[in-house]
Amino acid sequence: MGMKETFVFVAIVFIGLVGWFVVQRAQSSRYRTKQVLTGSERDFFYRLRGALPECHISPQVAVSALIEPAGMGKLRQRAIASIGRMRVGYAIFDEDMHLLAVAELAHRSRPTRMEKAKEDCLSSAGVRTVRFHAKRLPSEGKIRASVFARRSASSASQLYVRTDNELEFRRTPWRNTVNAHL
């Protein structure tokens, strides 16, 4: 092959590629429907509906639709960005559409850092998160008890101390005793 023939070949390939890219850009994007809930997520949704018939349950809700950061300026913008892509598994509302709790269906035994960060954001807004394991779906009774349970004052991270004539409530620091070596 001569130099001229090589140049013509490269020019034809280049023009073909440019033409292909132009045609691809001109086409609009195509979409298809997607399953919102699959497998155990769908089963859990129906258990939630059965356990809480007086409540409205919304699956796959954006955290930014449930809470908003308090504050102004760059701190607020940073907080908005941090919750921007977060979603909750199920948002549980009462009849007046007030958020009662958030239910999460976990596939791991411990929450990831992202899940913990999401829980912390929700907790700071006063929203309770109840977490259930996907492999051991709870009964409707356990779901109902978990969603409507009040936080008891005798949880593991709290302590009552007697002073003079009344009880004083103190929080004790959380300790990781799982990896303790004696």
C-alpha atoms as a PDB file:
ATOM      1  CA  MET A   1       0.000   0.000   0.000  1.00  0.00           C
ATOM      2  CA  GLY A   2       1.205   3.396  -0.875  1.00  0.00           C
ATOM      3  CA  MET A   3       1.126   6.514   1.192  1.00  0.00           C
ATOM      4  CA  LYS A   4      -1.853   7.902  -0.736  1.00  0.00           C
ATOM      5  CA  GLU A   5      -3.936   4.748  -0.233  1.00  0.00           C
ATOM      6  CA  THR A   6      -3.161   4.712   3.507  1.00  0.00           C
ATOM      7  CA  PHE A   7      -4.236   8.333   3.799  1.00  0.00           C
ATOM      8  CA  VAL A   8      -7.526   7.628   1.974  1.00  0.00           C
ATOM      9  CA  PHE A   9      -8.186   4.596   4.226  1.00  0.00           C
ATOM     10  CA  VAL A  10      -7.556   6.592   7.428  1.00  0.00           C
ATOM     11  CA  ALA A  11      -9.739   9.458   6.126  1.00  0.00           C
ATOM     12  CA  ILE A  12     -12.629   7.063   5.347  1.00  0.00           C
ATOM     13  CA  VAL A  13     -12.398   5.460   8.817  1.00  0.00           C
ATOM     14  CA  PHE A  14     -12.254   8.880  10.480  1.00  0.00           C
ATOM     15  CA  ILE A  15     -15.251  10.199   8.531  1.00  0.00           C
ATOM     16  CA  GLY A  16     -17.151   7.004   9.359  1.00  0.00           C
ATOM     17  CA  LEU A  17     -16.431   7.384  13.085  1.00  0.00           C
ATOM     18  CA  VAL A  18     -17.409  11.061  13.086  1.00  0.00           C
ATOM     19  CA  GLY A  19     -20.641  10.191  11.235  1.00  0.00           C
ATOM     20  CA  TRP A  20     -21.426   7.428  13.739  1.00  0.00           C
ATOM     21  CA  PHE A  21     -20.895   9.791  16.711  1.00  0.00           C
ATOM     22  CA  VAL A  22     -23.104  12.472  15.114  1.00  0.00           C
ATOM     23  CA  VAL A  23     -25.913   9.956  14.522  1.00  0.00           C
ATOM     24  CA  GLN A  24     -25.619   8.618  18.097  1.00  0.00           C
ATOM     25  CA  ARG A  25     -25.802  12.120  19.603  1.00  0.00           C
ATOM     26  CA  ALA A  26     -28.856  12.969  17.505  1.00  0.00           C
ATOM     27  CA  GLN A  27     -30.791   9.988  18.867  1.00  0.00           C
ATOM     28  CA  SER A  28     -32.687  10.577  22.069  1.00  0.00           C
ATOM     29  CA  SER A  29     -31.994   8.411  25.072  1.00  0.00           C
ATOM     30  CA  ARG A  30     -34.123   5.324  25.442  1.00  0.00           C
ATOM     31  CA  TYR A  31     -35.561   4.164  28.745  1.00  0.00           C
ATOM     32  CA  ARG A  32     -37.352   1.155  30.118  1.00  0.00           C
ATOM     33  CA  THR A  33     -39.294   0.521  33.291  1.00  0.00           C
ATOM     34  CA  LYS A  34     -37.486  -0.721  36.340  1.00  0.00           C
ATOM     35  CA  GLN A  35     -38.702  -2.792  39.274  1.00  0.00           C
ATOM     36  CA  VAL A  36     -38.828  -0.609  42.386  1.00  0.00           C
ATOM     37  CA  LEU A  37     -38.915  -3.534  44.804  1.00  0.00           C
ATOM     38  CA  THR A  38     -37.662  -7.029  44.176  1.00  0.00           C
ATOM     39  CA  GLY A  39     -37.686 -10.272  46.136  1.00  0.00           C
ATOM     40  CA  SER A  40     -37.449  -9.817  49.882  1.00  0.00           C
ATOM     41  CA  GLU A  41     -37.963  -6.045  49.546  1.00  0.00           C
ATOM     42  CA  ARG A  42     -41.414  -6.634  48.055  1.00  0.00           C
ATOM     43  CA  ASP A  43     -42.256  -9.269  50.690  1.00  0.00           C
ATOM     44  CA  PHE A  44     -41.198  -6.854  53.435  1.00  0.00           C
ATOM     45  CA  PHE A  45     -43.340  -4.078  51.895  1.00  0.00           C
ATOM     46  CA  TYR A  46     -46.428  -6.293  52.091  1.00  0.00           C
ATOM     47  CA  ARG A  47     -45.581  -7.222  55.683  1.00  0.00           C
ATOM     48  CA  LEU A  48     -45.263  -3.533  56.546  1.00  0.00           C
ATOM     49  CA  ARG A  49     -48.663  -2.848  54.980  1.00  0.00           C
ATOM     50  CA  GLY A  50     -50.203  -5.754  56.886  1.00  0.00           C
ATOM     51  CA  ALA A  51     -48.624  -4.711  60.195  1.00  0.00           C
ATOM     52  CA  LEU A  52     -49.456  -1.019  59.809  1.00  0.00           C
ATOM     53  CA  PRO A  53     -52.817  -0.792  57.960  1.00  0.00           C
ATOM     54  CA  GLU A  54     -53.490   2.714  59.300  1.00  0.00           C
ATOM     55  CA  CYS A  55     -50.179   4.034  57.939  1.00  0.00           C
ATOM     56  CA  HIS A  56     -48.984   5.070  54.505  1.00  0.00           C
ATOM     57  CA  ILE A  57     -45.792   3.331  53.431  1.00  0.00           C
ATOM     58  CA  SER A  58     -43.607   4.754  50.680  1.00  0.00           C
ATOM     59  CA  PRO A  59     -40.688   2.693  49.398  1.00  0.00           C
ATOM     60  CA  GLN A  60     -37.419   4.136  48.100  1.00  0.00           C
ATOM     61  CA  VAL A  61     -37.822   7.746  49.274  1.00  0.00           C
ATOM     62  CA  ALA A  62     -35.071  10.344  48.956  1.00  0.00           C
ATOM     63  CA  VAL A  63     -33.763  11.535  52.317  1.00  0.00           C
ATOM     64  CA  SER A  64     -33.886  15.103  51.019  1.00  0.00           C
ATOM     65  CA  ALA A  65     -37.678  14.720  50.675  1.00  0.00           C
ATOM     66  CA  LEU A  66     -37.950  13.792  54.368  1.00  0.00           C
ATOM     67  CA  ILE A  67     -35.517  16.136  56.114  1.00  0.00           C
ATOM     68  CA  GLU A  68     -33.688  19.361  55.409  1.00  0.00           C
ATOM     69  CA  PRO A  69     -30.586  20.814  57.026  1.00  0.00           C
ATOM     70  CA  ALA A  70     -30.970  23.555  59.582  1.00  0.00           C
ATOM     71  CA  GLY A  71     -28.500  26.370  59.154  1.00  0.00           C
ATOM     72  CA  MET A  72     -27.275  28.714  56.489  1.00  0.00           C
ATOM     73  CA  GLY A  73     -24.467  29.274  54.070  1.00  0.00           C
ATOM     74  CA  LYS A  74     -21.786  26.797  53.158  1.00  0.00           C
ATOM     75  CA  LEU A  75     -22.607  24.502  56.049  1.00  0.00           C
ATOM     76  CA  ARG A  76     -26.155  24.131  54.741  1.00  0.00           C
ATOM     77  CA  GLN A  77     -24.951  23.555  51.180  1.00  0.00           C
ATOM     78  CA  ARG A  78     -22.555  20.867  52.400  1.00  0.00           C
ATOM     79  CA  ALA A  79     -25.338  19.200  54.373  1.00  0.00           C
ATOM     80  CA  ILE A  80     -27.657  19.284  51.353  1.00  0.00           C
ATOM     81  CA  ALA A  81     -24.945  17.714  49.229  1.00  0.00           C
ATOM     82  CA  SER A  82     -24.325  14.996  51.804  1.00  0.00           C
ATOM     83  CA  ILE A  83     -27.955  13.840  51.807  1.00  0.00           C
ATOM     84  CA  GLY A  84     -28.494  14.483  48.105  1.00  0.00           C
ATOM     85  CA  ARG A  85     -28.074  10.906  46.922  1.00  0.00           C
ATOM     86  CA  MET A  86     -29.288   9.108  50.030  1.00  0.00           C
ATOM     87  CA  ARG A  87     -32.485   7.049  49.975  1.00  0.00           C
ATOM     88  CA  VAL A  88     -34.394   5.249  52.685  1.00  0.00           C
ATOM     89  CA  GLY A  89     -35.913   1.828  52.170  1.00  0.00           C
ATOM     90  CA  TYR A  90     -39.400   2.654  53.466  1.00  0.00           C
ATOM     91  CA  ALA A  91     -40.844   5.846  54.915  1.00  0.00           C
ATOM     92  CA  ILE A  92     -43.777   5.252  57.271  1.00  0.00           C
ATOM     93  CA  PHE A  93     -46.335   8.053  57.593  1.00  0.00           C
ATOM     94  CA  ASP A  94     -49.454   8.358  59.750  1.00  0.00           C
ATOM     95  CA  GLU A  95     -52.867   9.291  58.286  1.00  0.00           C
ATOM     96  CA  ASP A  96     -51.943  12.998  58.351  1.00  0.00           C
ATOM     97  CA  MET A  97     -48.732  12.239  56.425  1.00  0.00           C
ATOM     98  CA  HIS A  98     -46.450  12.981  59.386  1.00  0.00           C
ATOM     99  CA  LEU A  99     -43.313  10.881  59.271  1.00  0.00           C
ATOM    100  CA  LEU A 100     -43.407   8.260  62.029  1.00  0.00           C
ATOM    101  CA  ALA A 101     -40.283   6.278  61.256  1.00  0.00           C
ATOM    102  CA  VAL A 102     -38.021   4.952  58.560  1.00  0.00           C
ATOM    103  CA  ALA A 103     -37.690   1.201  58.040  1.00  0.00           C
ATOM    104  CA  GLU A 104     -34.579  -0.284  56.493  1.00  0.00           C
ATOM    105  CA  LEU A 105     -34.181  -3.807  55.190  1.00  0.00           C
ATOM    106  CA  ALA A 106     -30.525  -4.654  55.764  1.00  0.00           C
ATOM    107  CA  HIS A 107     -28.630  -7.317  53.889  1.00  0.00           C
ATOM    108  CA  ARG A 108     -25.648  -7.164  56.247  1.00  0.00           C
ATOM    109  CA  SER A 109     -25.420  -7.777  59.954  1.00  0.00           C
ATOM    110  CA  ARG A 110     -23.883  -4.353  60.613  1.00  0.00           C
ATOM    111  CA  PRO A 111     -24.702  -1.053  58.943  1.00  0.00           C
ATOM    112  CA  THR A 112     -22.131   0.375  56.556  1.00  0.00           C
ATOM    113  CA  ARG A 113     -20.622   3.827  57.082  1.00  0.00           C
ATOM    114  CA  MET A 114     -23.061   5.304  54.567  1.00  0.00           C
ATOM    115  CA  GLU A 115     -26.018   3.682  56.323  1.00  0.00           C
ATOM    116  CA  LYS A 116     -24.748   4.924  59.679  1.00  0.00           C
ATOM    117  CA  ALA A 117     -24.313   8.457  58.290  1.00  0.00           C
ATOM    118  CA  LYS A 118     -27.861   8.350  56.914  1.00  0.00           C
ATOM    119  CA  GLU A 119     -29.169   7.121  60.275  1.00  0.00           C
ATOM    120  CA  ASP A 120     -27.312   9.933  62.058  1.00  0.00           C
ATOM    121  CA  CYS A 121     -28.827  12.557  59.723  1.00  0.00           C
ATOM    122  CA  LEU A 122     -32.325  11.179  60.291  1.00  0.00           C
ATOM    123  CA  SER A 123     -31.761  10.886  64.034  1.00  0.00           C
ATOM    124  CA  SER A 124     -30.640  14.517  64.285  1.00  0.00           C
ATOM    125  CA  ALA A 125     -33.976  15.498  62.713  1.00  0.00           C
ATOM    126  CA  GLY A 126     -35.866  13.364  65.231  1.00  0.00           C
ATOM    127  CA  VAL A 127     -36.700  10.546  62.802  1.00  0.00           C
ATOM    128  CA  ARG A 128     -36.437   7.028  64.179  1.00  0.00           C
ATOM    129  CA  THR A 129     -34.906   4.288  62.038  1.00  0.00           C
ATOM    130  CA  VAL A 130     -35.909   0.668  62.527  1.00  0.00           C
ATOM    131  CA  ARG A 131     -33.713  -1.920  60.882  1.00  0.00           C
ATOM    132  CA  PHE A 132     -34.579  -5.510  59.979  1.00  0.00           C
ATOM    133  CA  HIS A 133     -32.476  -8.223  58.361  1.00  0.00           C
ATOM    134  CA  ALA A 134     -33.493  -9.352  54.879  1.00  0.00           C
ATOM    135  CA  LYS A 135     -32.835 -13.053  55.527  1.00  0.00           C
ATOM    136  CA  ARG A 136     -34.962 -13.068  58.694  1.00  0.00           C
ATOM    137  CA  LEU A 137     -38.060 -11.058  57.840  1.00  0.00           C
ATOM    138  CA  PRO A 138     -39.904 -10.129  61.051  1.00  0.00           C
ATOM    139  CA  SER A 139     -43.511 -10.954  61.832  1.00  0.00           C
ATOM    140  CA  GLU A 140     -46.180  -8.280  61.486  1.00  0.00           C
ATOM    141  CA  GLY A 141     -46.404  -8.059  65.283  1.00  0.00           C
ATOM    142  CA  LYS A 142     -42.688  -7.406  65.651  1.00  0.00           C
ATOM    143  CA  ILE A 143     -42.806  -4.768  62.923  1.00  0.00           C
ATOM    144  CA  ARG A 144     -45.696  -2.987  64.637  1.00  0.00           C
ATOM    145  CA  ALA A 145     -43.983  -3.124  68.029  1.00  0.00           C
ATOM    146  CA  SER A 146     -40.727  -1.779  66.571  1.00  0.00           C
ATOM    147  CA  VAL A 147     -42.332   1.107  64.700  1.00  0.00           C
ATOM    148  CA  PHE A 148     -44.546   2.235  67.585  1.00  0.00           C
ATOM    149  CA  ALA A 149     -42.085   1.483  70.409  1.00  0.00           C
ATOM    150  CA  ARG A 150     -41.027   4.440  72.477  1.00  0.00           C
ATOM    151  CA  ARG A 151     -37.393   4.759  73.361  1.00  0.00           C
ATOM    152  CA  SER A 152     -37.063   3.420  76.836  1.00  0.00           C
ATOM    153  CA  ALA A 153     -35.061   5.300  79.430  1.00  0.00           C
ATOM    154  CA  SER A 154     -33.315   2.103  80.435  1.00  0.00           C
ATOM    155  CA  SER A 155     -31.428   1.492  77.227  1.00  0.00           C
ATOM    156  CA  ALA A 156     -27.895   0.157  77.400  1.00  0.00           C
ATOM    157  CA  SER A 157     -26.223   3.546  76.892  1.00  0.00           C
ATOM    158  CA  GLN A 158     -28.111   5.293  79.695  1.00  0.00           C
ATOM    159  CA  LEU A 159     -27.836   5.186  83.459  1.00  0.00           C
ATOM    160  CA  TYR A 160     -29.801   6.508  86.430  1.00  0.00           C
ATOM    161  CA  VAL A 161     -27.749   7.770  89.352  1.00  0.00           C
ATOM    162  CA  ARG A 162     -29.246   8.577  92.774  1.00  0.00           C
ATOM    163  CA  THR A 163     -28.528  12.077  94.099  1.00  0.00           C
ATOM    164  CA  ASP A 164     -30.054  13.347  97.345  1.00  0.00           C
ATOM    165  CA  ASN A 165     -33.806  12.876  96.904  1.00  0.00           C
ATOM    166  CA  GLU A 166     -34.198  12.439  93.175  1.00  0.00           C
ATOM    167  CA  LEU A 167     -32.829  10.401  90.305  1.00  0.00           C
ATOM    168  CA  GLU A 168     -30.491  12.155  87.947  1.00  0.00           C
ATOM    169  CA  PHE A 169     -30.286  10.907  84.395  1.00  0.00           C
ATOM    170  CA  ARG A 170     -26.818  10.574  82.833  1.00  0.00           C
ATOM    171  CA  ARG A 171     -25.731   9.190  79.510  1.00  0.00           C
ATOM    172  CA  THR A 172     -22.838   6.790  79.689  1.00  0.00           C
ATOM    173  CA  PRO A 173     -20.324   6.728  76.858  1.00  0.00           C
ATOM    174  CA  TRP A 174     -20.644   3.975  74.318  1.00  0.00           C
ATOM    175  CA  ARG A 175     -17.951   1.321  74.600  1.00  0.00           C
ATOM    176  CA  ASN A 176     -16.944  -1.216  72.013  1.00  0.00           C
ATOM    177  CA  THR A 177     -16.771  -4.406  74.052  1.00  0.00           C
ATOM    178  CA  VAL A 178     -17.056  -6.759  71.107  1.00  0.00           C
ATOM    179  CA  ASN A 179     -13.306  -6.731  70.416  1.00  0.00           C
ATOM    180  CA  ALA A 180     -12.235  -6.502  74.062  1.00  0.00           C
ATOM    181  CA  HIS A 181      -9.310  -8.684  75.020  1.00  0.00           C
ATOM    182  CA  LEU A 182      -9.069  -9.732  78.648  1.00  0.00           C
END
